[in-house]
Amino acid sequence: MTHSAPHRTLADAQPGERVRIARILPGGGPIRQRLLDMGITRGSELLVERKAPLGDPVEVAVLNCHIAIRKSEAAYIEIA
């Protein structure tokens, strides 16, 4: 029997890590739409710039912009 690895989210990524968005999980409601409006879409590549000392917020670079995302919002973004 094989066990699949748990999916990683943007909240799990470390500073300096370059990740690709696999999908945005459902259930975010207006948060999901706001992420899509900022260019955080499936297939986009992000660079995790830094995290605050307690991990919230997370600063990412996407489409030549720097965006600060709450840890709770980053948990909706599944990465590859």
N, C-alpha and C. Protein backbone atom coordinates (compact mmCIF):
# COMPACT_ATOMS: atom_id res chain seq x y z
N MET A 1 0.85 -1.18 0.00
CA MET A 1 0.00 0.00 0.00
C MET A 1 0.89 1.24 0.00
N THR A 2 0.59 2.19 -0.86
CA THR A 2 1.38 3.41 -0.94
C THR A 2 0.62 4.57 -0.32
N HIS A 3 1.35 5.42 0.28
CA HIS A 3 0.76 6.63 0.87
C HIS A 3 1.21 7.81 0.05
N SER A 4 0.28 8.64 -0.35
CA SER A 4 0.66 9.83 -1.10
C SER A 4 1.13 10.89 -0.11
N ALA A 5 2.10 11.65 -0.54
CA ALA A 5 2.63 12.71 0.31
C ALA A 5 1.58 13.80 0.47
N PRO A 6 1.52 14.41 1.65
CA PRO A 6 0.55 15.50 1.83
C PRO A 6 0.91 16.65 0.91
N HIS A 7 -0.08 17.34 0.44
CA HIS A 7 0.14 18.46 -0.46
C HIS A 7 0.73 19.63 0.33
N ARG A 8 1.69 20.31 -0.27
CA ARG A 8 2.29 21.49 0.34
C ARG A 8 1.52 22.72 -0.08
N THR A 9 1.47 23.68 0.81
CA THR A 9 0.83 24.95 0.49
C THR A 9 1.89 26.04 0.57
N LEU A 10 1.54 27.21 0.10
CA LEU A 10 2.46 28.34 0.15
C LEU A 10 2.85 28.67 1.59
N ALA A 11 1.99 28.39 2.53
CA ALA A 11 2.30 28.63 3.94
C ALA A 11 3.47 27.77 4.41
N ASP A 12 3.74 26.64 3.74
CA ASP A 12 4.83 25.74 4.10
C ASP A 12 6.16 26.12 3.46
N ALA A 13 6.14 26.96 2.42
CA ALA A 13 7.35 27.31 1.68
C ALA A 13 8.27 28.18 2.53
N GLN A 14 9.56 28.05 2.27
CA GLN A 14 10.58 28.78 3.02
C GLN A 14 11.12 29.95 2.20
N PRO A 15 11.61 31.01 2.86
CA PRO A 15 12.19 32.13 2.14
C PRO A 15 13.30 31.68 1.19
N GLY A 16 13.32 32.27 0.00
CA GLY A 16 14.29 31.91 -1.02
C GLY A 16 13.84 30.79 -1.93
N GLU A 17 12.75 30.15 -1.59
CA GLU A 17 12.24 29.03 -2.37
C GLU A 17 11.40 29.54 -3.55
N ARG A 18 11.63 28.96 -4.72
CA ARG A 18 10.86 29.29 -5.92
C ARG A 18 9.88 28.15 -6.13
N VAL A 19 8.58 28.48 -6.18
CA VAL A 19 7.54 27.46 -6.28
C VAL A 19 6.59 27.78 -7.42
N ARG A 20 5.89 26.78 -7.87
CA ARG A 20 4.87 26.94 -8.91
C ARG A 20 3.52 26.59 -8.28
N ILE A 21 2.50 27.38 -8.60
CA ILE A 21 1.17 27.14 -8.04
C ILE A 21 0.53 25.96 -8.77
N ALA A 22 0.16 24.94 -7.99
CA ALA A 22 -0.51 23.77 -8.55
C ALA A 22 -2.01 24.04 -8.67
N ARG A 23 -2.58 24.64 -7.64
CA ARG A 23 -4.00 25.01 -7.67
C ARG A 23 -4.32 25.87 -6.46
N ILE A 24 -5.43 26.56 -6.55
CA ILE A 24 -5.95 27.32 -5.42
C ILE A 24 -7.14 26.54 -4.90
N LEU A 25 -7.06 26.15 -3.65
CA LEU A 25 -8.09 25.30 -3.07
C LEU A 25 -9.43 26.02 -2.96
N PRO A 26 -10.52 25.30 -3.14
CA PRO A 26 -11.84 25.91 -3.00
C PRO A 26 -12.12 26.22 -1.53
N GLY A 27 -13.07 27.07 -1.31
CA GLY A 27 -13.48 27.39 0.05
C GLY A 27 -13.00 28.74 0.53
N GLY A 28 -12.19 29.41 -0.27
CA GLY A 28 -11.67 30.71 0.13
C GLY A 28 -12.64 31.85 -0.05
N GLY A 29 -13.67 31.64 -0.87
CA GLY A 29 -14.65 32.69 -1.12
C GLY A 29 -14.01 33.92 -1.72
N PRO A 30 -14.22 35.09 -1.10
CA PRO A 30 -13.66 36.32 -1.65
C PRO A 30 -12.13 36.34 -1.63
N ILE A 31 -11.52 35.59 -0.71
CA ILE A 31 -10.06 35.52 -0.67
C ILE A 31 -9.54 34.90 -1.95
N ARG A 32 -10.18 33.83 -2.39
CA ARG A 32 -9.78 33.14 -3.62
C ARG A 32 -9.83 34.10 -4.81
N GLN A 33 -10.89 34.85 -4.93
CA GLN A 33 -11.03 35.78 -6.04
C GLN A 33 -9.98 36.88 -5.96
N ARG A 34 -9.69 37.35 -4.76
CA ARG A 34 -8.68 38.40 -4.60
C ARG A 34 -7.30 37.89 -5.02
N LEU A 35 -6.98 36.64 -4.66
CA LEU A 35 -5.70 36.05 -5.07
C LEU A 35 -5.61 35.95 -6.59
N LEU A 36 -6.70 35.52 -7.22
CA LEU A 36 -6.72 35.43 -8.68
C LEU A 36 -6.54 36.80 -9.32
N ASP A 37 -7.18 37.82 -8.75
CA ASP A 37 -7.07 39.18 -9.28
C ASP A 37 -5.64 39.72 -9.18
N MET A 38 -4.88 39.25 -8.19
CA MET A 38 -3.50 39.72 -8.01
C MET A 38 -2.52 38.95 -8.89
N GLY A 39 -3.00 38.01 -9.68
CA GLY A 39 -2.12 37.27 -10.58
C GLY A 39 -1.64 35.95 -10.02
N ILE A 40 -2.18 35.56 -8.89
CA ILE A 40 -1.81 34.29 -8.29
C ILE A 40 -2.76 33.24 -8.86
N THR A 41 -2.35 32.66 -9.99
CA THR A 41 -3.17 31.69 -10.70
C THR A 41 -2.39 30.40 -10.90
N ARG A 42 -3.09 29.33 -11.25
CA ARG A 42 -2.46 28.04 -11.46
C ARG A 42 -1.37 28.16 -12.52
N GLY A 43 -0.22 27.60 -12.22
CA GLY A 43 0.91 27.63 -13.14
C GLY A 43 1.85 28.80 -12.93
N SER A 44 1.43 29.82 -12.18
CA SER A 44 2.30 30.97 -11.92
C SER A 44 3.47 30.56 -11.04
N GLU A 45 4.60 31.19 -11.29
CA GLU A 45 5.79 30.93 -10.48
C GLU A 45 5.94 32.04 -9.46
N LEU A 46 6.19 31.66 -8.22
CA LEU A 46 6.36 32.61 -7.13
C LEU A 46 7.73 32.44 -6.51
N LEU A 47 8.28 33.52 -6.01
CA LEU A 47 9.49 33.46 -5.21
C LEU A 47 9.11 33.92 -3.82
N VAL A 48 9.34 33.07 -2.84
CA VAL A 48 9.05 33.44 -1.45
C VAL A 48 10.21 34.33 -1.00
N GLU A 49 9.92 35.61 -0.82
CA GLU A 49 10.95 36.58 -0.45
C GLU A 49 11.32 36.47 1.02
N ARG A 50 10.32 36.53 1.88
CA ARG A 50 10.57 36.46 3.32
C ARG A 50 9.28 36.19 4.08
N LYS A 51 9.45 35.82 5.34
CA LYS A 51 8.32 35.62 6.24
C LYS A 51 8.57 36.46 7.48
N ALA A 52 7.50 36.91 8.09
CA ALA A 52 7.63 37.63 9.35
C ALA A 52 8.10 36.63 10.42
N PRO A 53 8.61 37.11 11.53
CA PRO A 53 9.15 36.21 12.56
C PRO A 53 8.19 35.08 13.00
N LEU A 54 6.92 35.35 13.05
CA LEU A 54 5.97 34.31 13.44
C LEU A 54 5.32 33.65 12.22
N GLY A 55 5.85 33.94 11.03
CA GLY A 55 5.36 33.30 9.81
C GLY A 55 4.17 33.99 9.17
N ASP A 56 3.75 35.11 9.69
CA ASP A 56 2.58 35.79 9.15
C ASP A 56 2.83 37.28 9.11
N PRO A 57 2.86 37.91 7.98
CA PRO A 57 2.52 37.46 6.64
C PRO A 57 3.73 36.87 5.90
N VAL A 58 3.46 36.38 4.70
CA VAL A 58 4.47 35.84 3.80
C VAL A 58 4.58 36.82 2.63
N GLU A 59 5.80 37.24 2.31
CA GLU A 59 5.99 38.13 1.16
C GLU A 59 6.46 37.30 -0.02
N VAL A 60 5.75 37.42 -1.15
CA VAL A 60 6.11 36.69 -2.35
C VAL A 60 6.27 37.67 -3.51
N ALA A 61 7.08 37.26 -4.48
CA ALA A 61 7.24 38.03 -5.72
C ALA A 61 6.54 37.24 -6.81
N VAL A 62 5.61 37.89 -7.50
CA VAL A 62 4.88 37.29 -8.61
C VAL A 62 4.64 38.37 -9.65
N LEU A 63 4.90 38.05 -10.92
CA LEU A 63 4.68 38.99 -12.02
C LEU A 63 5.33 40.35 -11.75
N ASN A 64 6.58 40.34 -11.27
CA ASN A 64 7.35 41.56 -10.98
C ASN A 64 6.72 42.44 -9.91
N CYS A 65 5.88 41.86 -9.06
CA CYS A 65 5.27 42.58 -7.94
C CYS A 65 5.59 41.84 -6.65
N HIS A 66 5.63 42.58 -5.57
CA HIS A 66 5.81 41.98 -4.25
C HIS A 66 4.48 42.07 -3.53
N ILE A 67 4.03 40.93 -3.02
CA ILE A 67 2.72 40.86 -2.38
C ILE A 67 2.88 40.21 -1.00
N ALA A 68 2.26 40.79 0.01
CA ALA A 68 2.24 40.20 1.34
C ALA A 68 0.91 39.46 1.48
N ILE A 69 1.00 38.20 1.85
CA ILE A 69 -0.19 37.35 1.97
C ILE A 69 -0.24 36.78 3.38
N ARG A 70 -1.40 36.84 3.99
CA ARG A 70 -1.57 36.25 5.32
C ARG A 70 -1.34 34.75 5.24
N LYS A 71 -0.86 34.19 6.33
CA LYS A 71 -0.61 32.75 6.40
C LYS A 71 -1.90 31.97 6.15
N SER A 72 -3.02 32.47 6.65
CA SER A 72 -4.31 31.79 6.45
C SER A 72 -4.70 31.79 4.97
N GLU A 73 -4.35 32.85 4.23
CA GLU A 73 -4.63 32.91 2.79
C GLU A 73 -3.64 32.02 2.03
N ALA A 74 -2.38 31.99 2.46
CA ALA A 74 -1.37 31.17 1.80
C ALA A 74 -1.71 29.68 1.91
N ALA A 75 -2.47 29.32 2.93
CA ALA A 75 -2.87 27.91 3.10
C ALA A 75 -3.82 27.45 2.02
N TYR A 76 -4.45 28.35 1.28
CA TYR A 76 -5.34 28.01 0.17
C TYR A 76 -4.58 27.77 -1.14
N ILE A 77 -3.27 28.07 -1.15
CA ILE A 77 -2.50 27.97 -2.38
C ILE A 77 -1.63 26.73 -2.33
N GLU A 78 -1.99 25.74 -3.11
CA GLU A 78 -1.24 24.48 -3.17
C GLU A 78 -0.09 24.66 -4.17
N ILE A 79 1.11 24.25 -3.75
CA ILE A 79 2.30 24.46 -4.58
C ILE A 79 2.91 23.14 -5.02
N ALA A 80 3.70 23.23 -6.07
CA ALA A 80 4.43 22.06 -6.58
C ALA A 80 5.91 22.34 -6.50
